[in-house]
Amino acid sequence: MSEPGPVKWPRLIETEEEEVARLARFPQGSTWHELSKLPVLINEPEVRHLLIELPVANSDGHRMVVVPTVGSRATPVEGEENKLQRYGTHWECAIVASDHPRYPVQGYRISVPEAQLRRGRRLSI
């Protein structure tokens, strides 16, 4: 009979309050700091394939609507090995509407942090 391996503890996810505090530590005026001031509006289990208008405060006043398609791995909280950032995934998103000159609707894809997507507005057709 073989010896059992080491016990693997589940990773913990930071709380809503911890996430807001972490985002608020970024410099004032940064996208991350501005996100700390916004409520989470999208609570679905997954954002994949949702039509989401990004928060205006984080797009230089321009309107952008995206559809998340592919998510990357969640990010660990700095300094805490066993804790993941709440909404710490980055998503590859297709831009489906935009008045931003740098991000036109021409097949462009952008990487958007899930924390930003979750604070956006879900749209429906």
C-alpha atoms as a PDB file:
ATOM      1  CA  MET A   1       0.000   0.000   0.000  1.00  0.00           C
ATOM      2  CA  SER A   2       1.389   3.399  -0.940  1.00  0.00           C
ATOM      3  CA  GLU A   3       1.687   6.384   1.349  1.00  0.00           C
ATOM      4  CA  PRO A   4      -0.938   9.101   0.854  1.00  0.00           C
ATOM      5  CA  GLY A   5       0.372  12.307  -0.712  1.00  0.00           C
ATOM      6  CA  PRO A   6       0.299  15.710   0.936  1.00  0.00           C
ATOM      7  CA  VAL A   7      -3.102  17.201   1.569  1.00  0.00           C
ATOM      8  CA  LYS A   8      -3.946  19.886  -0.990  1.00  0.00           C
ATOM      9  CA  TRP A   9      -6.050  22.632   0.581  1.00  0.00           C
ATOM     10  CA  PRO A  10      -8.520  24.426  -1.631  1.00  0.00           C
ATOM     11  CA  ARG A  11      -7.615  27.900  -2.780  1.00  0.00           C
ATOM     12  CA  LEU A  12      -9.571  30.658  -1.148  1.00  0.00           C
ATOM     13  CA  ILE A  13     -11.021  33.623  -3.002  1.00  0.00           C
ATOM     14  CA  GLU A  14     -10.746  37.114  -1.599  1.00  0.00           C
ATOM     15  CA  THR A  15     -13.950  38.661  -0.263  1.00  0.00           C
ATOM     16  CA  GLU A  16     -15.761  41.569  -1.898  1.00  0.00           C
ATOM     17  CA  GLU A  17     -14.334  43.923   0.736  1.00  0.00           C
ATOM     18  CA  GLU A  18     -10.783  42.621   0.189  1.00  0.00           C
ATOM     19  CA  GLU A  19     -11.138  43.079  -3.566  1.00  0.00           C
ATOM     20  CA  VAL A  20     -12.360  46.677  -3.200  1.00  0.00           C
ATOM     21  CA  ALA A  21      -9.521  47.462  -0.770  1.00  0.00           C
ATOM     22  CA  ARG A  22      -6.937  45.914  -3.142  1.00  0.00           C
ATOM     23  CA  LEU A  23      -8.250  47.889  -6.122  1.00  0.00           C
ATOM     24  CA  ALA A  24      -8.381  51.119  -4.084  1.00  0.00           C
ATOM     25  CA  ARG A  25      -4.639  50.828  -3.307  1.00  0.00           C
ATOM     26  CA  PHE A  26      -3.793  51.542  -6.961  1.00  0.00           C
ATOM     27  CA  PRO A  27      -2.948  55.174  -7.808  1.00  0.00           C
ATOM     28  CA  GLN A  28      -5.881  57.573  -8.044  1.00  0.00           C
ATOM     29  CA  GLY A  29      -7.062  57.976 -11.622  1.00  0.00           C
ATOM     30  CA  SER A  30      -5.914  54.493 -12.656  1.00  0.00           C
ATOM     31  CA  THR A  31      -8.454  52.069 -14.106  1.00  0.00           C
ATOM     32  CA  TRP A  32      -8.004  49.744 -11.124  1.00  0.00           C
ATOM     33  CA  HIS A  33      -8.588  52.519  -8.571  1.00  0.00           C
ATOM     34  CA  GLU A  34     -11.681  53.709 -10.456  1.00  0.00           C
ATOM     35  CA  LEU A  35     -13.055  50.139 -10.473  1.00  0.00           C
ATOM     36  CA  SER A  36     -12.882  50.100  -6.661  1.00  0.00           C
ATOM     37  CA  LYS A  37     -15.572  52.819  -6.638  1.00  0.00           C
ATOM     38  CA  LEU A  38     -18.034  50.920  -8.848  1.00  0.00           C
ATOM     39  CA  PRO A  39     -20.488  48.231  -7.749  1.00  0.00           C
ATOM     40  CA  VAL A  40     -20.517  44.760  -9.272  1.00  0.00           C
ATOM     41  CA  LEU A  41     -23.509  44.694 -11.625  1.00  0.00           C
ATOM     42  CA  ILE A  42     -23.060  41.285 -13.265  1.00  0.00           C
ATOM     43  CA  ASN A  43     -23.389  38.345 -10.871  1.00  0.00           C
ATOM     44  CA  GLU A  44     -23.853  35.467 -13.325  1.00  0.00           C
ATOM     45  CA  PRO A  45     -21.579  32.476 -12.675  1.00  0.00           C
ATOM     46  CA  GLU A  46     -19.682  33.186 -15.910  1.00  0.00           C
ATOM     47  CA  VAL A  47     -19.319  36.178 -18.202  1.00  0.00           C
ATOM     48  CA  ARG A  48     -18.423  34.182 -21.323  1.00  0.00           C
ATOM     49  CA  HIS A  49     -20.560  35.206 -24.329  1.00  0.00           C
ATOM     50  CA  LEU A  50     -22.434  37.966 -22.471  1.00  0.00           C
ATOM     51  CA  LEU A  51     -22.901  41.301 -24.230  1.00  0.00           C
ATOM     52  CA  ILE A  52     -21.294  43.828 -21.842  1.00  0.00           C
ATOM     53  CA  GLU A  53     -20.969  47.597 -22.020  1.00  0.00           C
ATOM     54  CA  LEU A  54     -17.748  48.480 -20.204  1.00  0.00           C
ATOM     55  CA  PRO A  55     -17.909  51.127 -17.470  1.00  0.00           C
ATOM     56  CA  VAL A  56     -17.461  54.581 -19.072  1.00  0.00           C
ATOM     57  CA  ALA A  57     -15.239  55.763 -16.222  1.00  0.00           C
ATOM     58  CA  ASN A  58     -12.636  53.267 -17.374  1.00  0.00           C
ATOM     59  CA  SER A  59     -12.634  53.902 -21.127  1.00  0.00           C
ATOM     60  CA  ASP A  60     -11.726  57.613 -21.303  1.00  0.00           C
ATOM     61  CA  GLY A  61     -15.391  58.554 -21.641  1.00  0.00           C
ATOM     62  CA  HIS A  62     -15.863  56.371 -24.694  1.00  0.00           C
ATOM     63  CA  ARG A  63     -18.515  53.701 -25.036  1.00  0.00           C
ATOM     64  CA  MET A  64     -17.387  50.145 -25.741  1.00  0.00           C
ATOM     65  CA  VAL A  65     -19.436  46.965 -25.873  1.00  0.00           C
ATOM     66  CA  VAL A  66     -17.639  43.636 -25.806  1.00  0.00           C
ATOM     67  CA  VAL A  67     -18.346  39.905 -25.764  1.00  0.00           C
ATOM     68  CA  PRO A  68     -15.907  37.862 -23.620  1.00  0.00           C
ATOM     69  CA  THR A  69     -14.868  34.666 -25.405  1.00  0.00           C
ATOM     70  CA  VAL A  70     -11.774  33.131 -23.821  1.00  0.00           C
ATOM     71  CA  GLY A  71     -10.719  33.472 -20.176  1.00  0.00           C
ATOM     72  CA  SER A  72      -7.219  33.056 -18.764  1.00  0.00           C
ATOM     73  CA  ARG A  73      -6.309  31.669 -15.382  1.00  0.00           C
ATOM     74  CA  ALA A  74      -7.307  33.591 -12.243  1.00  0.00           C
ATOM     75  CA  THR A  75      -4.562  35.657 -10.614  1.00  0.00           C
ATOM     76  CA  PRO A  76      -3.290  34.896  -7.085  1.00  0.00           C
ATOM     77  CA  VAL A  77      -3.438  37.667  -4.500  1.00  0.00           C
ATOM     78  CA  GLU A  78       0.051  39.114  -4.104  1.00  0.00           C
ATOM     79  CA  GLY A  79       1.727  37.764  -0.970  1.00  0.00           C
ATOM     80  CA  GLU A  80      -0.957  35.122  -0.292  1.00  0.00           C
ATOM     81  CA  GLU A  81      -0.143  31.799  -1.978  1.00  0.00           C
ATOM     82  CA  ASN A  82      -3.482  30.123  -1.329  1.00  0.00           C
ATOM     83  CA  LYS A  83      -5.819  32.993  -2.190  1.00  0.00           C
ATOM     84  CA  LEU A  84      -7.102  34.010  -5.618  1.00  0.00           C
ATOM     85  CA  GLN A  85      -8.269  37.442  -6.650  1.00  0.00           C
ATOM     86  CA  ARG A  86     -12.026  37.778  -6.798  1.00  0.00           C
ATOM     87  CA  TYR A  87     -12.765  38.185 -10.510  1.00  0.00           C
ATOM     88  CA  GLY A  88      -9.041  37.779 -11.237  1.00  0.00           C
ATOM     89  CA  THR A  89      -9.453  36.292 -14.716  1.00  0.00           C
ATOM     90  CA  HIS A  90      -8.595  38.237 -17.863  1.00  0.00           C
ATOM     91  CA  TRP A  91     -10.877  37.704 -20.857  1.00  0.00           C
ATOM     92  CA  GLU A  92     -10.202  37.979 -24.558  1.00  0.00           C
ATOM     93  CA  CYS A  93     -13.145  40.002 -25.819  1.00  0.00           C
ATOM     94  CA  ALA A  94     -14.526  40.782 -29.246  1.00  0.00           C
ATOM     95  CA  ILE A  95     -15.414  44.459 -29.648  1.00  0.00           C
ATOM     96  CA  VAL A  96     -18.975  44.639 -31.002  1.00  0.00           C
ATOM     97  CA  ALA A  97     -19.657  48.377 -30.576  1.00  0.00           C
ATOM     98  CA  SER A  98     -17.284  51.244 -29.920  1.00  0.00           C
ATOM     99  CA  ASP A  99     -16.884  54.980 -30.363  1.00  0.00           C
ATOM    100  CA  HIS A 100     -13.268  54.791 -29.107  1.00  0.00           C
ATOM    101  CA  PRO A 101     -10.809  55.736 -31.901  1.00  0.00           C
ATOM    102  CA  ARG A 102      -8.205  53.193 -30.713  1.00  0.00           C
ATOM    103  CA  TYR A 103     -10.641  50.287 -30.530  1.00  0.00           C
ATOM    104  CA  PRO A 104     -12.828  50.217 -33.647  1.00  0.00           C
ATOM    105  CA  VAL A 105     -15.237  47.428 -34.505  1.00  0.00           C
ATOM    106  CA  GLN A 106     -13.204  45.699 -37.182  1.00  0.00           C
ATOM    107  CA  GLY A 107     -12.448  42.288 -35.806  1.00  0.00           C
ATOM    108  CA  TYR A 108     -10.288  43.628 -32.975  1.00  0.00           C
ATOM    109  CA  ARG A 109     -10.010  41.639 -29.789  1.00  0.00           C
ATOM    110  CA  ILE A 110      -8.880  43.102 -26.487  1.00  0.00           C
ATOM    111  CA  SER A 111      -7.980  41.691 -23.089  1.00  0.00           C
ATOM    112  CA  VAL A 112     -10.311  42.922 -20.342  1.00  0.00           C
ATOM    113  CA  PRO A 113      -9.995  42.075 -16.639  1.00  0.00           C
ATOM    114  CA  GLU A 114     -13.040  40.305 -15.239  1.00  0.00           C
ATOM    115  CA  ALA A 115     -13.213  42.896 -12.446  1.00  0.00           C
ATOM    116  CA  GLN A 116     -13.968  45.483 -15.139  1.00  0.00           C
ATOM    117  CA  LEU A 117     -16.448  43.255 -16.979  1.00  0.00           C
ATOM    118  CA  ARG A 118     -18.353  42.538 -13.755  1.00  0.00           C
ATOM    119  CA  ARG A 119     -18.786  46.285 -13.177  1.00  0.00           C
ATOM    120  CA  GLY A 120     -20.078  46.824 -16.698  1.00  0.00           C
ATOM    121  CA  ARG A 121     -23.689  46.753 -17.816  1.00  0.00           C
ATOM    122  CA  ARG A 122     -25.119  43.577 -19.296  1.00  0.00           C
ATOM    123  CA  LEU A 123     -26.997  44.258 -22.525  1.00  0.00           C
ATOM    124  CA  SER A 124     -29.460  42.114 -24.404  1.00  0.00           C
ATOM    125  CA  ILE A 125     -30.585  42.141 -27.972  1.00  0.00           C
END
